[in-house]
Amino acid sequence: MEHLIDTHCHFEPEDDTPALLAEARANAVYVLAVGGSAALNATALASGAPCALGYDWSWGEATPPPPPTRQPRQVAVGELGFDLHYAQGPEVEARQRTLFQAQAAFAKAQALPVVIHTREAATLTLNALREAALPRAGVIHSFTGTDWAFAKALLDLGYTISFSGILTFRNASALREIARRIPDDRLLVETDSPYLAPVPFRGERNRPVRVRATAECLAQVRGVAPDHLARLTTENALRLFGPTLLND
C-alpha cells in the first residue's frame, strides 16, 4: 500500500490526537496538522506532527492575533485567506486583507509556503495573492471552485490545488472536471478533518485516515491507478512542505 499525505487536517481539543495519528500511520497515511485559530494552532503544535500555523478569515477583530512567530516543526503559514460566504462588504474584505497581509509578510520573511482558504472570494483572493507575490506560493486547500478560469489563475500564480472529500459528493461533477484538468505536479489531497468526510463516510466526523477515499476518487477522475496518484501527490507535498512530512 503506497503511503499518502493528508495535507490538511485539524485536531480539536476534544480529539484523541495520538489515536488518530496512530490510526493514520497504521494505514500508511502521514499528516500536516493545520491551525487557523489560537486553539487549533495549539492542538496542531501539541500533535507533534509537522504543522501549519496561522489565523484564518474568521478571526474576530475584537482581539487581534499576536504577531506570527516561527515554531518548531512549522512548515507553513495558515490556514489564512478569504471567505465571503457568511459575511460580505467593504469592512469584511478590509479586515480579511489586513489579516492576510501580516501573515503573508511573515511567510515571505521566513521563506514558508502558505495554506490558503478561499470561498466565494475569487477576486479578493487573486488580488491579494498577486499583491503578496510570495516566492514559495503554497496551496489552495479544499478547493471548491467550479470555474476553470479561477483555478487556472491560481495555477499561473504558482499555487498547488488540494482536493478534500467534497470531490466525492454526488453533486460535485463540476469540481471533478476541474480536478481532472489540474497538472500532475500541482495536485494534493486532504481531509480537512474533522470536517468534510468523503463518501461513503459523509455525515460522520472525518479522520486523517479517510484521505484514502478522496485519493481513490481523484485517481478514478484522472484515469490513473490509486498507487500512481498516491506517489504523485506525495511527491508534490514533499516538494512544497519538505521531507519532514514523512517524519514521525
Protein backbone atom coordinates (compact mmCIF):
# COMPACT_ATOMS: atom_id res chain seq x y z
CA MET A 1 0.00 0.00 0.00
CA GLU A 2 1.52 3.30 -1.13
CA HIS A 3 1.62 5.94 1.57
CA LEU A 4 -0.41 9.12 1.32
CA ILE A 5 -0.11 12.56 2.91
CA ASP A 6 -3.19 14.23 4.34
CA THR A 7 -2.02 17.78 3.69
CA HIS A 8 -4.70 19.46 5.79
CA CYS A 9 -6.19 18.13 9.00
CA HIS A 10 -7.28 19.86 12.19
CA PHE A 11 -7.12 18.44 15.69
CA GLU A 12 -9.69 19.83 18.08
CA PRO A 13 -9.20 19.92 21.87
CA GLU A 14 -11.63 17.04 22.42
CA ASP A 15 -9.89 14.77 19.90
CA ASP A 16 -7.76 11.79 20.91
CA THR A 17 -4.98 13.04 18.69
CA PRO A 18 -2.46 10.23 19.42
CA ALA A 19 -5.10 7.66 18.46
CA LEU A 20 -5.95 9.49 15.23
CA LEU A 21 -2.28 9.72 14.32
CA ALA A 22 -1.69 6.06 15.16
CA GLU A 23 -4.66 5.02 13.02
CA ALA A 24 -3.32 7.09 10.14
CA ARG A 25 0.20 5.68 10.37
CA ALA A 26 -1.14 2.11 10.60
CA ASN A 27 -2.72 2.80 7.21
CA ALA A 28 0.37 4.47 5.69
CA VAL A 29 -1.05 7.98 5.99
CA TYR A 30 1.11 10.92 7.13
CA VAL A 31 -0.37 14.28 8.10
CA LEU A 32 0.14 18.01 8.08
CA ALA A 33 -1.60 19.39 11.18
CA VAL A 34 -3.14 22.78 10.41
CA GLY A 35 -4.11 25.66 12.67
CA GLY A 36 -6.22 28.70 11.90
CA SER A 37 -7.07 29.93 15.40
CA ALA A 38 -5.38 30.06 18.79
CA ALA A 39 -7.00 26.75 19.79
CA LEU A 40 -6.20 24.95 16.53
CA ASN A 41 -2.65 26.30 16.48
CA ALA A 42 -2.16 24.87 19.97
CA THR A 43 -3.51 21.42 19.07
CA ALA A 44 -1.50 21.34 15.84
CA LEU A 45 1.68 22.10 17.78
CA ALA A 46 0.84 19.62 20.52
CA SER A 47 0.28 16.83 18.00
CA GLY A 48 3.99 16.63 17.29
CA ALA A 49 3.28 16.39 13.57
CA PRO A 50 4.63 18.83 11.00
CA CYS A 51 2.29 21.81 11.13
CA ALA A 52 0.98 24.97 9.54
CA LEU A 53 0.12 27.79 11.94
CA GLY A 54 -1.89 30.93 11.33
CA TYR A 55 -5.19 32.76 11.70
CA ASP A 56 -7.98 32.28 9.22
CA TRP A 57 -10.54 34.59 7.64
CA SER A 58 -13.00 34.18 10.54
CA TRP A 59 -10.81 35.74 13.24
CA GLY A 60 -12.77 38.40 15.13
CA GLU A 61 -11.49 41.94 15.24
CA ALA A 62 -12.06 42.43 18.97
CA THR A 63 -8.77 40.78 19.96
CA PRO A 64 -6.26 40.74 17.11
CA PRO A 65 -3.99 37.70 16.92
CA PRO A 66 -0.43 38.03 18.16
CA PRO A 67 2.39 38.65 15.68
CA PRO A 68 3.46 35.41 13.95
CA THR A 69 6.41 33.55 15.41
CA ARG A 70 8.16 30.58 13.81
CA GLN A 71 7.52 27.45 15.85
CA PRO A 72 9.22 24.03 15.96
CA ARG A 73 8.07 21.69 13.17
CA GLN A 74 6.24 24.54 11.44
CA VAL A 75 6.49 24.04 7.68
CA ALA A 76 3.84 26.53 6.50
CA VAL A 77 1.72 29.53 7.49
CA GLY A 78 -2.04 29.03 7.66
CA GLU A 79 -4.64 28.46 7.22
CA LEU A 80 -5.42 32.02 6.19
CA GLY A 81 -7.32 33.64 3.39
CA PHE A 82 -10.70 34.89 2.33
CA ASP A 83 -14.33 33.90 2.80
CA LEU A 84 -17.36 35.93 1.76
CA HIS A 85 -19.93 33.19 2.34
CA TYR A 86 -21.01 34.24 5.82
CA ALA A 87 -20.46 38.00 5.65
CA GLN A 88 -19.78 40.49 2.88
CA GLY A 89 -18.99 44.15 2.44
CA PRO A 90 -16.03 46.54 2.40
CA GLU A 91 -15.32 46.22 6.13
CA VAL A 92 -15.25 42.43 5.98
CA GLU A 93 -12.94 42.47 2.97
CA ALA A 94 -10.64 45.06 4.53
CA ARG A 95 -10.36 43.04 7.77
CA GLN A 96 -9.53 39.89 5.86
CA ARG A 97 -6.95 41.68 3.71
CA THR A 98 -5.22 43.13 6.77
CA LEU A 99 -5.03 39.73 8.46
CA PHE A 100 -3.76 38.13 5.28
CA GLN A 101 -1.11 40.77 4.59
CA ALA A 102 0.51 40.46 8.01
CA GLN A 103 0.81 36.70 7.68
CA ALA A 104 1.93 36.83 4.06
CA ALA A 105 4.75 39.16 5.08
CA PHE A 106 5.79 36.69 7.78
CA ALA A 107 5.67 33.78 5.30
CA LYS A 108 7.87 35.72 2.91
CA ALA A 109 10.36 36.61 5.63
CA GLN A 110 10.54 33.01 6.81
CA ALA A 111 10.53 31.51 3.28
CA LEU A 112 7.48 29.41 4.19
CA PRO A 113 4.62 28.41 1.90
CA VAL A 114 1.06 29.41 2.78
CA VAL A 115 -2.12 27.37 3.18
CA ILE A 116 -4.93 29.39 1.62
CA HIS A 117 -8.66 29.20 2.34
CA THR A 118 -10.90 30.75 -0.31
CA ARG A 119 -14.68 30.57 -0.55
CA GLU A 120 -16.88 32.77 -2.70
CA ALA A 121 -14.00 35.25 -2.79
CA ALA A 122 -12.21 34.61 -6.09
CA THR A 123 -11.46 38.23 -6.98
CA LEU A 124 -10.39 39.15 -3.45
CA THR A 125 -8.17 36.08 -3.25
CA LEU A 126 -6.48 36.61 -6.62
CA ASN A 127 -5.83 40.29 -5.97
CA ALA A 128 -4.28 39.57 -2.58
CA LEU A 129 -2.11 36.72 -3.88
CA ARG A 130 -0.88 38.82 -6.79
CA GLU A 131 -0.05 41.69 -4.47
CA ALA A 132 1.76 39.42 -2.00
CA ALA A 133 3.86 37.80 -4.75
CA LEU A 134 5.10 35.12 -2.39
CA PRO A 135 8.25 33.43 -3.71
CA ARG A 136 7.24 29.99 -2.40
CA ALA A 137 3.49 30.38 -3.05
CA GLY A 138 1.67 27.48 -1.37
CA VAL A 139 -1.56 25.54 -1.61
CA ILE A 140 -5.21 26.40 -2.11
CA HIS A 141 -6.75 23.99 0.36
CA SER A 142 -10.04 22.16 -0.13
CA PHE A 143 -10.62 23.79 -3.49
CA THR A 144 -14.34 24.14 -4.18
CA GLY A 145 -14.41 26.40 -7.21
CA THR A 146 -16.35 25.37 -10.29
CA ASP A 147 -14.77 27.92 -12.63
CA TRP A 148 -11.71 26.71 -14.55
CA ALA A 149 -10.60 30.30 -15.11
CA PHE A 150 -10.19 30.76 -11.34
CA ALA A 151 -8.26 27.52 -10.99
CA LYS A 152 -6.04 28.43 -13.96
CA ALA A 153 -5.32 31.87 -12.48
CA LEU A 154 -4.21 30.25 -9.21
CA LEU A 155 -2.00 27.81 -11.09
CA ASP A 156 -0.48 30.69 -13.05
CA LEU A 157 0.45 32.32 -9.74
CA GLY A 158 2.35 29.16 -8.75
CA TYR A 159 -0.17 27.65 -6.35
CA THR A 160 -0.93 23.98 -5.86
CA ILE A 161 -4.56 22.83 -5.67
CA SER A 162 -5.74 20.44 -2.95
CA PHE A 163 -8.96 18.43 -3.00
CA SER A 164 -10.93 17.23 0.01
CA GLY A 165 -13.86 14.87 0.49
CA ILE A 166 -16.11 17.33 -1.35
CA LEU A 167 -14.70 15.78 -4.51
CA THR A 168 -16.60 12.56 -3.73
CA PHE A 169 -20.01 14.22 -3.26
CA ARG A 170 -22.69 13.34 -5.81
CA ASN A 171 -23.30 16.97 -6.81
CA ALA A 172 -19.59 17.78 -7.34
CA SER A 173 -19.34 16.91 -11.04
CA ALA A 174 -18.05 20.39 -11.97
CA LEU A 175 -15.37 20.17 -9.29
CA ARG A 176 -14.34 16.73 -10.55
CA GLU A 177 -13.92 18.15 -14.04
CA ILE A 178 -11.55 20.78 -12.68
CA ALA A 179 -9.67 18.10 -10.72
CA ARG A 180 -9.23 16.18 -13.95
CA ARG A 181 -7.51 19.19 -15.57
CA ILE A 182 -5.02 20.13 -12.83
CA PRO A 183 -1.42 19.38 -13.90
CA ASP A 184 0.18 16.36 -12.26
CA ASP A 185 2.75 18.40 -10.38
CA ARG A 186 0.21 20.80 -8.82
CA LEU A 187 -2.14 18.33 -7.14
CA LEU A 188 -2.68 17.44 -3.46
CA VAL A 189 -5.25 15.60 -1.33
CA GLU A 190 -6.52 16.33 2.17
CA THR A 191 -9.31 15.61 4.63
CA ASP A 192 -9.86 18.99 6.32
CA SER A 193 -10.83 16.72 9.20
CA PRO A 194 -12.86 16.69 11.35
CA TYR A 195 -14.95 18.20 8.54
CA LEU A 196 -15.94 17.14 5.01
CA ALA A 197 -15.90 13.36 5.42
CA PRO A 198 -15.84 11.74 1.98
CA VAL A 199 -18.36 9.28 0.61
CA PRO A 200 -19.07 6.63 1.98
CA PHE A 201 -18.46 8.34 5.36
CA ARG A 202 -20.37 11.54 4.63
CA GLY A 203 -22.14 12.87 7.72
CA GLU A 204 -19.60 11.31 10.08
CA ARG A 205 -16.74 13.03 11.85
CA ASN A 206 -13.81 12.94 9.46
CA ARG A 207 -10.38 11.48 10.31
CA PRO A 208 -6.98 11.69 8.57
CA VAL A 209 -7.08 8.03 7.51
CA ARG A 210 -10.06 8.82 5.28
CA VAL A 211 -7.87 10.76 2.88
CA ARG A 212 -7.64 7.40 1.09
CA ALA A 213 -11.28 7.64 -0.04
CA THR A 214 -10.65 11.07 -1.56
CA ALA A 215 -7.44 9.90 -3.22
CA GLU A 216 -9.22 6.90 -4.73
CA CYS A 217 -11.92 9.17 -6.14
CA LEU A 218 -9.32 11.54 -7.56
CA ALA A 219 -7.45 8.64 -9.17
CA GLN A 220 -10.66 7.48 -10.82
CA VAL A 221 -11.42 11.00 -12.06
CA ARG A 222 -7.97 11.26 -13.63
CA GLY A 223 -7.96 7.72 -15.03
CA VAL A 224 -4.90 6.52 -13.11
CA ALA A 225 -4.20 3.79 -10.59
CA PRO A 226 -4.59 4.74 -6.91
CA ASP A 227 -0.94 3.88 -6.22
CA HIS A 228 0.16 6.22 -9.00
CA LEU A 229 -1.99 9.03 -7.57
CA ALA A 230 -0.57 8.36 -4.10
CA ARG A 231 3.02 8.61 -5.32
CA LEU A 232 2.26 11.73 -7.32
CA THR A 233 0.58 13.66 -4.51
CA THR A 234 3.21 12.56 -2.00
CA GLU A 235 5.98 13.91 -4.24
CA ASN A 236 4.09 17.18 -4.61
CA ALA A 237 3.55 17.52 -0.85
CA LEU A 238 7.21 16.87 -0.10
CA ARG A 239 8.31 19.39 -2.70
CA LEU A 240 6.02 22.04 -1.22
CA PHE A 241 6.37 21.41 2.52
CA GLY A 242 9.65 19.50 2.82
CA PRO A 243 10.74 15.99 3.84
CA THR A 244 9.75 16.39 7.49
CA LEU A 245 6.19 15.43 6.44
CA LEU A 246 7.37 11.82 6.48
CA ASN A 247 8.86 12.09 9.98
CA ASP A 248 7.00 10.58 12.93
